[in-house]
Amino acid sequence: MKNFIKVAVLSALLATVFGCASGTYETRLDPPDAFNPIFMQYKDLPGQKIMVIAVDLTGQWAFGYDGGRATLEEAAENAAIKCDKARDKHQVFTTAKLFAVNDEIVYYKNQFE
């Protein structure tokens, strides 16, 4: 239950940061294979950590992660900033989504709500 509450709070925080708090249906596209080594680097981070990703229909993608923080909120803020910079650089126009909280992948959960 604690993890669910953390995920809900972080989703609300990221929705505010990214401005993606719409109630519309959106299927989350799978990250490309090139994402796997990046996720493995993320998993090695200590402490509280967050990863966000944006994948669009053209195959463009961007990510941001941060870890080693005292709180998940700190990590989420930094990950959001990094992802926004990467979205600008790679011209990814889809909104970023929460991918992982600590070592739990949450990207595919509740995607049809």
PDB file of N, CA and C in Angstrom:
ATOM      1  N   MET A   1       0.826  -1.187   0.000  1.00  0.00           N
ATOM      2  CA  MET A   1       0.000   0.000   0.000  1.00  0.00           C
ATOM      3  C   MET A   1       0.875   1.258   0.000  1.00  0.00           C
ATOM      4  N   LYS A   2       1.992   1.212   0.739  1.00  0.00           N
ATOM      5  CA  LYS A   2       2.886   2.369   0.768  1.00  0.00           C
ATOM      6  C   LYS A   2       3.417   2.672  -0.632  1.00  0.00           C
ATOM      7  N   ASN A   3       3.788   1.617  -1.374  1.00  0.00           N
ATOM      8  CA  ASN A   3       4.303   1.823  -2.734  1.00  0.00           C
ATOM      9  C   ASN A   3       3.249   2.437  -3.636  1.00  0.00           C
ATOM     10  N   PHE A   4       1.983   1.994  -3.483  1.00  0.00           N
ATOM     11  CA  PHE A   4       0.915   2.556  -4.288  1.00  0.00           C
ATOM     12  C   PHE A   4       0.750   4.039  -4.006  1.00  0.00           C
ATOM     13  N   ILE A   5       0.795   4.409  -2.752  1.00  0.00           N
ATOM     14  CA  ILE A   5       0.658   5.817  -2.371  1.00  0.00           C
ATOM     15  C   ILE A   5       1.823   6.621  -2.933  1.00  0.00           C
ATOM     16  N   LYS A   6       3.046   6.082  -2.849  1.00  0.00           N
ATOM     17  CA  LYS A   6       4.212   6.773  -3.396  1.00  0.00           C
ATOM     18  C   LYS A   6       4.063   6.978  -4.901  1.00  0.00           C
ATOM     19  N   VAL A   7       3.616   5.932  -5.598  1.00  0.00           N
ATOM     20  CA  VAL A   7       3.447   6.018  -7.046  1.00  0.00           C
ATOM     21  C   VAL A   7       2.371   7.044  -7.386  1.00  0.00           C
ATOM     22  N   ALA A   8       1.276   7.052  -6.628  1.00  0.00           N
ATOM     23  CA  ALA A   8       0.197   8.006  -6.886  1.00  0.00           C
ATOM     24  C   ALA A   8       0.674   9.441  -6.674  1.00  0.00           C
ATOM     25  N   VAL A   9       1.418   9.680  -5.600  1.00  0.00           N
ATOM     26  CA  VAL A   9       1.929  11.025  -5.323  1.00  0.00           C
ATOM     27  C   VAL A   9       2.918  11.445  -6.400  1.00  0.00           C
ATOM     28  N   LEU A  10       3.809  10.543  -6.784  1.00  0.00           N
ATOM     29  CA  LEU A  10       4.793  10.869  -7.814  1.00  0.00           C
ATOM     30  C   LEU A  10       4.141  11.082  -9.167  1.00  0.00           C
ATOM     31  N   SER A  11       3.108  10.314  -9.475  1.00  0.00           N
ATOM     32  CA  SER A  11       2.401  10.517 -10.740  1.00  0.00           C
ATOM     33  C   SER A  11       1.762  11.894 -10.779  1.00  0.00           C
ATOM     34  N   ALA A  12       1.173  12.289  -9.659  1.00  0.00           N
ATOM     35  CA  ALA A  12       0.569  13.629  -9.590  1.00  0.00           C
ATOM     36  C   ALA A  12       1.631  14.707  -9.739  1.00  0.00           C
ATOM     37  N   LEU A  13       2.783  14.509  -9.087  1.00  0.00           N
ATOM     38  CA  LEU A  13       3.875  15.479  -9.190  1.00  0.00           C
ATOM     39  C   LEU A  13       4.369  15.582 -10.623  1.00  0.00           C
ATOM     40  N   LEU A  14       4.601  14.449 -11.259  1.00  0.00           N
ATOM     41  CA  LEU A  14       5.088  14.462 -12.639  1.00  0.00           C
ATOM     42  C   LEU A  14       4.036  15.003 -13.598  1.00  0.00           C
ATOM     43  N   ALA A  15       2.762  14.727 -13.333  1.00  0.00           N
ATOM     44  CA  ALA A  15       1.706  15.274 -14.178  1.00  0.00           C
ATOM     45  C   ALA A  15       1.710  16.790 -14.106  1.00  0.00           C
ATOM     46  N   THR A  16       1.968  17.313 -12.926  1.00  0.00           N
ATOM     47  CA  THR A  16       2.045  18.758 -12.764  1.00  0.00           C
ATOM     48  C   THR A  16       3.267  19.316 -13.486  1.00  0.00           C
ATOM     49  N   VAL A  17       4.400  18.662 -13.327  1.00  0.00           N
ATOM     50  CA  VAL A  17       5.638  19.120 -13.954  1.00  0.00           C
ATOM     51  C   VAL A  17       5.530  19.079 -15.468  1.00  0.00           C
ATOM     52  N   PHE A  18       4.974  18.001 -16.005  1.00  0.00           N
ATOM     53  CA  PHE A  18       4.906  17.830 -17.453  1.00  0.00           C
ATOM     54  C   PHE A  18       3.634  18.383 -18.068  1.00  0.00           C
ATOM     55  N   GLY A  19       2.676  18.742 -17.249  1.00  0.00           N
ATOM     56  CA  GLY A  19       1.416  19.252 -17.775  1.00  0.00           C
ATOM     57  C   GLY A  19       0.617  18.200 -18.504  1.00  0.00           C
ATOM     58  N   CYS A  20       0.751  16.961 -18.085  1.00  0.00           N
ATOM     59  CA  CYS A  20       0.067  15.873 -18.792  1.00  0.00           C
ATOM     60  C   CYS A  20      -1.049  15.287 -17.940  1.00  0.00           C
ATOM     61  N   ALA A  21      -1.745  16.113 -17.194  1.00  0.00           N
ATOM     62  CA  ALA A  21      -2.800  15.630 -16.307  1.00  0.00           C
ATOM     63  C   ALA A  21      -4.142  15.585 -17.025  1.00  0.00           C
ATOM     64  N   SER A  22      -4.148  15.068 -18.223  1.00  0.00           N
ATOM     65  CA  SER A  22      -5.405  14.966 -18.954  1.00  0.00           C
ATOM     66  C   SER A  22      -6.010  13.598 -18.702  1.00  0.00           C
ATOM     67  N   GLY A  23      -7.298  13.509 -18.871  1.00  0.00           N
ATOM     68  CA  GLY A  23      -7.982  12.244 -18.657  1.00  0.00           C
ATOM     69  C   GLY A  23      -8.132  11.460 -19.943  1.00  0.00           C
ATOM     70  N   THR A  24      -7.336  11.718 -20.946  1.00  0.00           N
ATOM     71  CA  THR A  24      -7.480  11.046 -22.229  1.00  0.00           C
ATOM     72  C   THR A  24      -6.753   9.709 -22.227  1.00  0.00           C
ATOM     73  N   TYR A  25      -7.230   8.833 -23.075  1.00  0.00           N
ATOM     74  CA  TYR A  25      -6.636   7.513 -23.245  1.00  0.00           C
ATOM     75  C   TYR A  25      -5.355   7.630 -24.054  1.00  0.00           C
ATOM     76  N   GLU A  26      -4.320   6.955 -23.594  1.00  0.00           N
ATOM     77  CA  GLU A  26      -3.062   6.978 -24.336  1.00  0.00           C
ATOM     78  C   GLU A  26      -2.340   5.654 -24.120  1.00  0.00           C
ATOM     79  N   THR A  27      -2.018   4.971 -25.199  1.00  0.00           N
ATOM     80  CA  THR A  27      -1.247   3.741 -25.107  1.00  0.00           C
ATOM     81  C   THR A  27       0.216   4.101 -25.002  1.00  0.00           C
ATOM     82  N   ARG A  28       0.901   3.484 -24.095  1.00  0.00           N
ATOM     83  CA  ARG A  28       2.326   3.755 -23.916  1.00  0.00           C
ATOM     84  C   ARG A  28       3.124   2.832 -24.826  1.00  0.00           C
ATOM     85  N   LEU A  29       3.939   3.424 -25.659  1.00  0.00           N
ATOM     86  CA  LEU A  29       4.754   2.662 -26.589  1.00  0.00           C
ATOM     87  C   LEU A  29       5.953   2.064 -25.873  1.00  0.00           C
ATOM     88  N   ASP A  30       6.351   0.879 -26.296  1.00  0.00           N
ATOM     89  CA  ASP A  30       7.515   0.230 -25.701  1.00  0.00           C
ATOM     90  C   ASP A  30       8.780   1.007 -26.018  1.00  0.00           C
ATOM     91  N   PRO A  31       9.658   1.137 -25.038  1.00  0.00           N
ATOM     92  CA  PRO A  31      10.960   1.754 -25.321  1.00  0.00           C
ATOM     93  C   PRO A  31      11.751   0.868 -26.286  1.00  0.00           C
ATOM     94  N   PRO A  32      12.644   1.443 -27.071  1.00  0.00           N
ATOM     95  CA  PRO A  32      13.455   0.644 -28.003  1.00  0.00           C
ATOM     96  C   PRO A  32      14.480  -0.203 -27.239  1.00  0.00           C
ATOM     97  N   ASP A  33      15.069  -1.161 -27.937  1.00  0.00           N
ATOM     98  CA  ASP A  33      16.070  -2.033 -27.311  1.00  0.00           C
ATOM     99  C   ASP A  33      17.261  -1.250 -26.764  1.00  0.00           C
ATOM    100  N   ALA A  34      17.578  -0.125 -27.390  1.00  0.00           N
ATOM    101  CA  ALA A  34      18.703   0.698 -26.925  1.00  0.00           C
ATOM    102  C   ALA A  34      18.469   1.243 -25.516  1.00  0.00           C
ATOM    103  N   PHE A  35      17.240   1.188 -25.049  1.00  0.00           N
ATOM    104  CA  PHE A  35      16.897   1.670 -23.712  1.00  0.00           C
ATOM    105  C   PHE A  35      17.368   0.710 -22.618  1.00  0.00           C
ATOM    106  N   ASN A  36      17.476  -0.571 -22.928  1.00  0.00           N
ATOM    107  CA  ASN A  36      17.798  -1.580 -21.908  1.00  0.00           C
ATOM    108  C   ASN A  36      19.095  -1.309 -21.143  1.00  0.00           C
ATOM    109  N   PRO A  37      20.218  -0.996 -21.800  1.00  0.00           N
ATOM    110  CA  PRO A  37      21.441  -0.705 -21.039  1.00  0.00           C
ATOM    111  C   PRO A  37      21.295   0.536 -20.150  1.00  0.00           C
ATOM    112  N   ILE A  38      20.502   1.491 -20.603  1.00  0.00           N
ATOM    113  CA  ILE A  38      20.279   2.701 -19.802  1.00  0.00           C
ATOM    114  C   ILE A  38      19.513   2.344 -18.542  1.00  0.00           C
ATOM    115  N   PHE A  39      18.506   1.488 -18.694  1.00  0.00           N
ATOM    116  CA  PHE A  39      17.740   1.068 -17.522  1.00  0.00           C
ATOM    117  C   PHE A  39      18.617   0.288 -16.547  1.00  0.00           C
ATOM    118  N   MET A  40      19.542  -0.492 -17.049  1.00  0.00           N
ATOM    119  CA  MET A  40      20.449  -1.237 -16.167  1.00  0.00           C
ATOM    120  C   MET A  40      21.351  -0.275 -15.390  1.00  0.00           C
ATOM    121  N   GLN A  41      21.801   0.802 -16.016  1.00  0.00           N
ATOM    122  CA  GLN A  41      22.586   1.818 -15.301  1.00  0.00           C
ATOM    123  C   GLN A  41      21.742   2.460 -14.206  1.00  0.00           C
ATOM    124  N   TYR A  42      20.496   2.749 -14.534  1.00  0.00           N
ATOM    125  CA  TYR A  42      19.574   3.335 -13.565  1.00  0.00           C
ATOM    126  C   TYR A  42      19.412   2.415 -12.356  1.00  0.00           C
ATOM    127  N   LYS A  43      19.252   1.116 -12.610  1.00  0.00           N
ATOM    128  CA  LYS A  43      19.033   0.164 -11.516  1.00  0.00           C
ATOM    129  C   LYS A  43      20.211   0.122 -10.542  1.00  0.00           C
ATOM    130  N   ASP A  44      21.402   0.453 -11.024  1.00  0.00           N
ATOM    131  CA  ASP A  44      22.590   0.436 -10.162  1.00  0.00           C
ATOM    132  C   ASP A  44      22.676   1.644  -9.234  1.00  0.00           C
ATOM    133  N   LEU A  45      21.834   2.655  -9.461  1.00  0.00           N
ATOM    134  CA  LEU A  45      21.885   3.846  -8.608  1.00  0.00           C
ATOM    135  C   LEU A  45      21.446   3.514  -7.189  1.00  0.00           C
ATOM    136  N   PRO A  46      22.090   4.140  -6.201  1.00  0.00           N
ATOM    137  CA  PRO A  46      21.686   3.915  -4.816  1.00  0.00           C
ATOM    138  C   PRO A  46      20.551   4.864  -4.414  1.00  0.00           C
ATOM    139  N   GLY A  47      19.962   4.597  -3.285  1.00  0.00           N
ATOM    140  CA  GLY A  47      18.989   5.517  -2.687  1.00  0.00           C
ATOM    141  C   GLY A  47      17.695   5.625  -3.458  1.00  0.00           C
ATOM    142  N   GLN A  48      16.957   6.686  -3.168  1.00  0.00           N
ATOM    143  CA  GLN A  48      15.676   6.950  -3.817  1.00  0.00           C
ATOM    144  C   GLN A  48      15.922   7.358  -5.263  1.00  0.00           C
ATOM    145  N   LYS A  49      15.187   6.744  -6.196  1.00  0.00           N
ATOM    146  CA  LYS A  49      15.427   7.036  -7.610  1.00  0.00           C
ATOM    147  C   LYS A  49      14.137   6.960  -8.416  1.00  0.00           C
ATOM    148  N   ILE A  50      14.140   7.725  -9.503  1.00  0.00           N
ATOM    149  CA  ILE A  50      12.993   7.820 -10.412  1.00  0.00           C
ATOM    150  C   ILE A  50      13.508   7.837 -11.844  1.00  0.00           C
ATOM    151  N   MET A  51      12.749   7.195 -12.748  1.00  0.00           N
ATOM    152  CA  MET A  51      13.054   7.268 -14.174  1.00  0.00           C
ATOM    153  C   MET A  51      11.775   7.612 -14.922  1.00  0.00           C
ATOM    154  N   VAL A  52      11.879   8.539 -15.877  1.00  0.00           N
ATOM    155  CA  VAL A  52      10.767   8.899 -16.759  1.00  0.00           C
ATOM    156  C   VAL A  52      11.217   8.727 -18.203  1.00  0.00           C
ATOM    157  N   ILE A  53      10.235   8.476 -19.091  1.00  0.00           N
ATOM    158  CA  ILE A  53      10.552   8.249 -20.499  1.00  0.00           C
ATOM    159  C   ILE A  53       9.436   8.810 -21.375  1.00  0.00           C
ATOM    160  N   ALA A  54       9.807   9.265 -22.547  1.00  0.00           N
ATOM    161  CA  ALA A  54       8.854   9.712 -23.564  1.00  0.00           C
ATOM    162  C   ALA A  54       9.196   8.982 -24.858  1.00  0.00           C
ATOM    163  N   VAL A  55       8.208   8.293 -25.428  1.00  0.00           N
ATOM    164  CA  VAL A  55       8.396   7.557 -26.687  1.00  0.00           C
ATOM    165  C   VAL A  55       7.289   7.993 -27.634  1.00  0.00           C
ATOM    166  N   ASP A  56       7.666   8.414 -28.858  1.00  0.00           N
ATOM    167  CA  ASP A  56       6.625   8.829 -29.800  1.00  0.00           C
ATOM    168  C   ASP A  56       6.473   7.829 -30.949  1.00  0.00           C
ATOM    169  N   LEU A  57       5.483   8.043 -31.766  1.00  0.00           N
ATOM    170  CA  LEU A  57       5.164   7.113 -32.852  1.00  0.00           C
ATOM    171  C   LEU A  57       6.241   7.021 -33.923  1.00  0.00           C
ATOM    172  N   THR A  58       7.091   8.036 -34.037  1.00  0.00           N
ATOM    173  CA  THR A  58       8.151   8.017 -35.049  1.00  0.00           C
ATOM    174  C   THR A  58       9.367   7.214 -34.607  1.00  0.00           C
ATOM    175  N   GLY A  59       9.359   6.755 -33.361  1.00  0.00           N
ATOM    176  CA  GLY A  59      10.493   6.006 -32.846  1.00  0.00           C
ATOM    177  C   GLY A  59      11.454   6.860 -32.039  1.00  0.00           C
ATOM    178  N   GLN A  60      11.233   8.163 -32.029  1.00  0.00           N
ATOM    179  CA  GLN A  60      12.059   9.050 -31.207  1.00  0.00           C
ATOM    180  C   GLN A  60      11.727   8.809 -29.731  1.00  0.00           C
ATOM    181  N   TRP A  61      12.720   8.943 -28.889  1.00  0.00           N
ATOM    182  CA  TRP A  61      12.488   8.751 -27.473  1.00  0.00           C
ATOM    183  C   TRP A  61      13.483   9.562 -26.671  1.00  0.00           C
ATOM    184  N   ALA A  62      13.115   9.807 -25.438  1.00  0.00           N
ATOM    185  CA  ALA A  62      13.964  10.557 -24.519  1.00  0.00           C
ATOM    186  C   ALA A  62      13.683  10.042 -23.116  1.00  0.00           C
ATOM    187  N   PHE A  63      14.648  10.226 -22.247  1.00  0.00           N
ATOM    188  CA  PHE A  63      14.485   9.753 -20.880  1.00  0.00           C
ATOM    189  C   PHE A  63      15.186  10.704 -19.932  1.00  0.00           C
ATOM    190  N   GLY A  64      14.905  10.507 -18.681  1.00  0.00           N
ATOM    191  CA  GLY A  64      15.608  11.209 -17.620  1.00  0.00           C
ATOM    192  C   GLY A  64      15.513  10.376 -16.363  1.00  0.00           C
ATOM    193  N   TYR A  65      16.600  10.306 -15.632  1.00  0.00           N
ATOM    194  CA  TYR A  65      16.533   9.622 -14.345  1.00  0.00           C
ATOM    195  C   TYR A  65      17.433  10.323 -13.359  1.00  0.00           C
ATOM    196  N   ASP A  66      17.145  10.057 -12.092  1.00  0.00           N
ATOM    197  CA  ASP A  66      17.958  10.631 -11.031  1.00  0.00           C
ATOM    198  C   ASP A  66      17.850   9.714  -9.832  1.00  0.00           C
ATOM    199  N   GLY A  67      18.921   9.610  -9.095  1.00  0.00           N
ATOM    200  CA  GLY A  67      18.925   8.749  -7.918  1.00  0.00           C
ATOM    201  C   GLY A  67      19.905   9.231  -6.880  1.00  0.00           C
ATOM    202  N   GLY A  68      19.967   8.487  -5.803  1.00  0.00           N
ATOM    203  CA  GLY A  68      20.861   8.837  -4.705  1.00  0.00           C
ATOM    204  C   GLY A  68      20.345  10.007  -3.893  1.00  0.00           C
ATOM    205  N   ARG A  69      19.061  10.259  -3.974  1.00  0.00           N
ATOM    206  CA  ARG A  69      18.453  11.393  -3.275  1.00  0.00           C
ATOM    207  C   ARG A  69      17.836  10.937  -1.960  1.00  0.00           C
ATOM    208  N   ALA A  70      17.621  11.889  -1.085  1.00  0.00           N
ATOM    209  CA  ALA A  70      16.997  11.599   0.203  1.00  0.00           C
ATOM    210  C   ALA A  70      15.512  11.296   0.043  1.00  0.00           C
ATOM    211  N   THR A  71      14.861  11.932  -0.949  1.00  0.00           N
ATOM    212  CA  THR A  71      13.428  11.721  -1.156  1.00  0.00           C
ATOM    213  C   THR A  71      13.141  11.431  -2.622  1.00  0.00           C
ATOM    214  N   LEU A  72      12.018  10.775  -2.853  1.00  0.00           N
ATOM    215  CA  LEU A  72      11.585  10.504  -4.223  1.00  0.00           C
ATOM    216  C   LEU A  72      11.202  11.795  -4.939  1.00  0.00           C
ATOM    217  N   GLU A  73      10.700  12.766  -4.201  1.00  0.00           N
ATOM    218  CA  GLU A  73      10.310  14.032  -4.810  1.00  0.00           C
ATOM    219  C   GLU A  73      11.510  14.745  -5.434  1.00  0.00           C
ATOM    220  N   GLU A  74      12.645  14.730  -4.725  1.00  0.00           N
ATOM    221  CA  GLU A  74      13.870  15.330  -5.271  1.00  0.00           C
ATOM    222  C   GLU A  74      14.293  14.624  -6.549  1.00  0.00           C
ATOM    223  N   ALA A  75      14.276  13.297  -6.508  1.00  0.00           N
ATOM    224  CA  ALA A  75      14.674  12.512  -7.669  1.00  0.00           C
ATOM    225  C   ALA A  75      13.720  12.764  -8.838  1.00  0.00           C
ATOM    226  N   ALA A  76      12.419  12.864  -8.553  1.00  0.00           N
ATOM    227  CA  ALA A  76      11.427  13.097  -9.606  1.00  0.00           C
ATOM    228  C   ALA A  76      11.628  14.448 -10.273  1.00  0.00           C
ATOM    229  N   GLU A  77      11.891  15.466  -9.477  1.00  0.00           N
ATOM    230  CA  GLU A  77      12.123  16.797 -10.044  1.00  0.00           C
ATOM    231  C   GLU A  77      13.320  16.800 -10.986  1.00  0.00           C
ATOM    232  N   ASN A  78      14.417  16.215 -10.543  1.00  0.00           N
ATOM    233  CA  ASN A  78      15.635  16.176 -11.362  1.00  0.00           C
ATOM    234  C   ASN A  78      15.455  15.313 -12.607  1.00  0.00           C
ATOM    235  N   ALA A  79      14.767  14.178 -12.474  1.00  0.00           N
ATOM    236  CA  ALA A  79      14.521  13.313 -13.629  1.00  0.00           C
ATOM    237  C   ALA A  79      13.651  14.030 -14.662  1.00  0.00           C
ATOM    238  N   ALA A  80      12.660  14.779 -14.196  1.00  0.00           N
ATOM    239  CA  ALA A  80      11.771  15.522 -15.103  1.00  0.00           C
ATOM    240  C   ALA A  80      12.547  16.582 -15.870  1.00  0.00           C
ATOM    241  N   ILE A  81      13.425  17.288 -15.194  1.00  0.00           N
ATOM    242  CA  ILE A  81      14.234  18.318 -15.851  1.00  0.00           C
ATOM    243  C   ILE A  81      15.138  17.691 -16.913  1.00  0.00           C
ATOM    244  N   LYS A  82      15.785  16.586 -16.563  1.00  0.00           N
ATOM    245  CA  LYS A  82      16.672  15.904 -17.514  1.00  0.00           C
ATOM    246  C   LYS A  82      15.894  15.397 -18.727  1.00  0.00           C
ATOM    247  N   CYS A  83      14.706  14.850 -18.494  1.00  0.00           N
ATOM    248  CA  CYS A  83      13.905  14.330 -19.603  1.00  0.00           C
ATOM    249  C   CYS A  83      13.438  15.468 -20.505  1.00  0.00           C
ATOM    250  N   ASP A  84      13.035  16.579 -19.926  1.00  0.00           N
ATOM    251  CA  ASP A  84      12.620  17.729 -20.742  1.00  0.00           C
ATOM    252  C   ASP A  84      13.745  18.209 -21.645  1.00  0.00           C
ATOM    253  N   LYS A  85      14.965  18.250 -21.118  1.00  0.00           N
ATOM    254  CA  LYS A  85      16.110  18.655 -21.936  1.00  0.00           C
ATOM    255  C   LYS A  85      16.339  17.661 -23.076  1.00  0.00           C
ATOM    256  N   ALA A  86      16.230  16.376 -22.774  1.00  0.00           N
ATOM    257  CA  ALA A  86      16.417  15.346 -23.800  1.00  0.00           C
ATOM    258  C   ALA A  86      15.292  15.390 -24.828  1.00  0.00           C
ATOM    259  N   ARG A  87      14.055  15.664 -24.395  1.00  0.00           N
ATOM    260  CA  ARG A  87      12.934  15.784 -25.337  1.00  0.00           C
ATOM    261  C   ARG A  87      13.176  16.937 -26.302  1.00  0.00           C
ATOM    262  N   ASP A  88      13.664  18.058 -25.802  1.00  0.00           N
ATOM    263  CA  ASP A  88      13.983  19.191 -26.671  1.00  0.00           C
ATOM    264  C   ASP A  88      15.089  18.837 -27.656  1.00  0.00           C
ATOM    265  N   LYS A  89      16.139  18.211 -27.153  1.00  0.00           N
ATOM    266  CA  LYS A  89      17.294  17.876 -27.989  1.00  0.00           C
ATOM    267  C   LYS A  89      16.926  16.897 -29.111  1.00  0.00           C
ATOM    268  N   HIS A  90      16.108  15.886 -28.782  1.00  0.00           N
ATOM    269  CA  HIS A  90      15.780  14.840 -29.755  1.00  0.00           C
ATOM    270  C   HIS A  90      14.426  15.060 -30.432  1.00  0.00           C
ATOM    271  N   GLN A  91      13.820  16.203 -30.178  1.00  0.00           N
ATOM    272  CA  GLN A  91      12.528  16.570 -30.755  1.00  0.00           C
ATOM    273  C   GLN A  91      11.469  15.491 -30.544  1.00  0.00           C
ATOM    274  N   VAL A  92      11.309  15.107 -29.294  1.00  0.00           N
ATOM    275  CA  VAL A  92      10.268  14.158 -28.903  1.00  0.00           C
ATOM    276  C   VAL A  92       9.100  14.990 -28.396  1.00  0.00           C
ATOM    277  N   PHE A  93       7.967  14.883 -29.061  1.00  0.00           N
ATOM    278  CA  PHE A  93       6.846  15.755 -28.749  1.00  0.00           C
ATOM    279  C   PHE A  93       5.793  15.110 -27.859  1.00  0.00           C
ATOM    280  N   THR A  94       5.946  13.840 -27.542  1.00  0.00           N
ATOM    281  CA  THR A  94       5.007  13.203 -26.617  1.00  0.00           C
ATOM    282  C   THR A  94       5.380  13.581 -25.189  1.00  0.00           C
ATOM    283  N   THR A  95       4.419  13.463 -24.309  1.00  0.00           N
ATOM    284  CA  THR A  95       4.683  13.770 -22.909  1.00  0.00           C
ATOM    285  C   THR A  95       5.441  12.617 -22.261  1.00  0.00           C
ATOM    286  N   ALA A  96       6.225  12.940 -21.285  1.00  0.00           N
ATOM    287  CA  ALA A  96       6.977  11.927 -20.569  1.00  0.00           C
ATOM    288  C   ALA A  96       6.068  11.217 -19.577  1.00  0.00           C
ATOM    289  N   LYS A  97       6.376   9.969 -19.330  1.00  0.00           N
ATOM    290  CA  LYS A  97       5.618   9.141 -18.396  1.00  0.00           C
ATOM    291  C   LYS A  97       6.576   8.563 -17.359  1.00  0.00           C
ATOM    292  N   LEU A  98       6.057   8.354 -16.201  1.00  0.00           N
ATOM    293  CA  LEU A  98       6.818   7.704 -15.140  1.00  0.00           C
ATOM    294  C   LEU A  98       7.136   6.282 -15.582  1.00  0.00           C
ATOM    295  N   PHE A  99       8.410   5.898 -15.581  1.00  0.00           N
ATOM    296  CA  PHE A  99       8.790   4.553 -15.999  1.00  0.00           C
ATOM    297  C   PHE A  99       9.081   3.656 -14.803  1.00  0.00           C
ATOM    298  N   ALA A 100       9.871   4.166 -13.848  1.00  0.00           N
ATOM    299  CA  ALA A 100      10.224   3.332 -12.693  1.00  0.00           C
ATOM    300  C   ALA A 100      10.353   4.181 -11.441  1.00  0.00           C
ATOM    301  N   VAL A 101       9.950   3.573 -10.337  1.00  0.00           N
ATOM    302  CA  VAL A 101      10.136   4.153  -9.010  1.00  0.00           C
ATOM    303  C   VAL A 101      11.015   3.164  -8.256  1.00  0.00           C
ATOM    304  N   ASN A 102      12.173   3.632  -7.855  1.00  0.00           N
ATOM    305  CA  ASN A 102      13.193   2.751  -7.301  1.00  0.00           C
ATOM    306  C   ASN A 102      13.423   1.632  -8.304  1.00  0.00           C
ATOM    307  N   ASP A 103      13.247   0.363  -7.966  1.00  0.00           N
ATOM    308  CA  ASP A 103      13.492  -0.707  -8.940  1.00  0.00           C
ATOM    309  C   ASP A 103      12.205  -1.291  -9.517  1.00  0.00           C
ATOM    310  N   GLU A 104      11.070  -0.673  -9.241  1.00  0.00           N
ATOM    311  CA  GLU A 104       9.795  -1.178  -9.737  1.00  0.00           C
ATOM    312  C   GLU A 104       9.379  -0.433 -11.015  1.00  0.00           C
ATOM    313  N   ILE A 105       9.156  -1.182 -12.090  1.00  0.00           N
ATOM    314  CA  ILE A 105       8.666  -0.591 -13.340  1.00  0.00           C
ATOM    315  C   ILE A 105       7.166  -0.344 -13.193  1.00  0.00           C
ATOM    316  N   VAL A 106       6.764   0.898 -13.378  1.00  0.00           N
ATOM    317  CA  VAL A 106       5.351   1.269 -13.238  1.00  0.00           C
ATOM    318  C   VAL A 106       4.776   1.810 -14.551  1.00  0.00           C
ATOM    319  N   TYR A 107       5.560   1.855 -15.586  1.00  0.00           N
ATOM    320  CA  TYR A 107       5.185   2.460 -16.872  1.00  0.00           C
ATOM    321  C   TYR A 107       3.923   1.850 -17.478  1.00  0.00           C
ATOM    322  N   TYR A 108       3.761   0.548 -17.376  1.00  0.00           N
ATOM    323  CA  TYR A 108       2.644  -0.121 -18.022  1.00  0.00           C
ATOM    324  C   TYR A 108       1.425  -0.267 -17.123  1.00  0.00           C
ATOM    325  N   LYS A 109       1.547   0.061 -15.850  1.00  0.00           N
ATOM    326  CA  LYS A 109       0.425  -0.087 -14.919  1.00  0.00           C
ATOM    327  C   LYS A 109      -0.594   1.010 -15.155  1.00  0.00           C
ATOM    328  N   ASN A 110      -1.856   0.637 -15.130  1.00  0.00           N
ATOM    329  CA  ASN A 110      -2.978   1.576 -15.228  1.00  0.00           C
ATOM    330  C   ASN A 110      -2.940   2.441 -16.477  1.00  0.00           C
ATOM    331  N   GLN A 111      -2.407   1.940 -17.580  1.00  0.00           N
ATOM    332  CA  GLN A 111      -2.313   2.755 -18.779  1.00  0.00           C
ATOM    333  C   GLN A 111      -3.651   2.939 -19.485  1.00  0.00           C
ATOM    334  N   PHE A 112      -4.639   2.141 -19.154  1.00  0.00           N
ATOM    335  CA  PHE A 112      -5.921   2.252 -19.837  1.00  0.00           C
ATOM    336  C   PHE A 112      -6.976   2.976 -19.017  1.00  0.00           C
ATOM    337  N   GLU A 113      -6.556   3.605 -17.936  1.00  0.00           N
ATOM    338  CA  GLU A 113      -7.504   4.349 -17.091  1.00  0.00           C
ATOM    339  C   GLU A 113      -7.605   5.776 -17.523  1.00  0.00           C
TER     340      GLU A 113
END
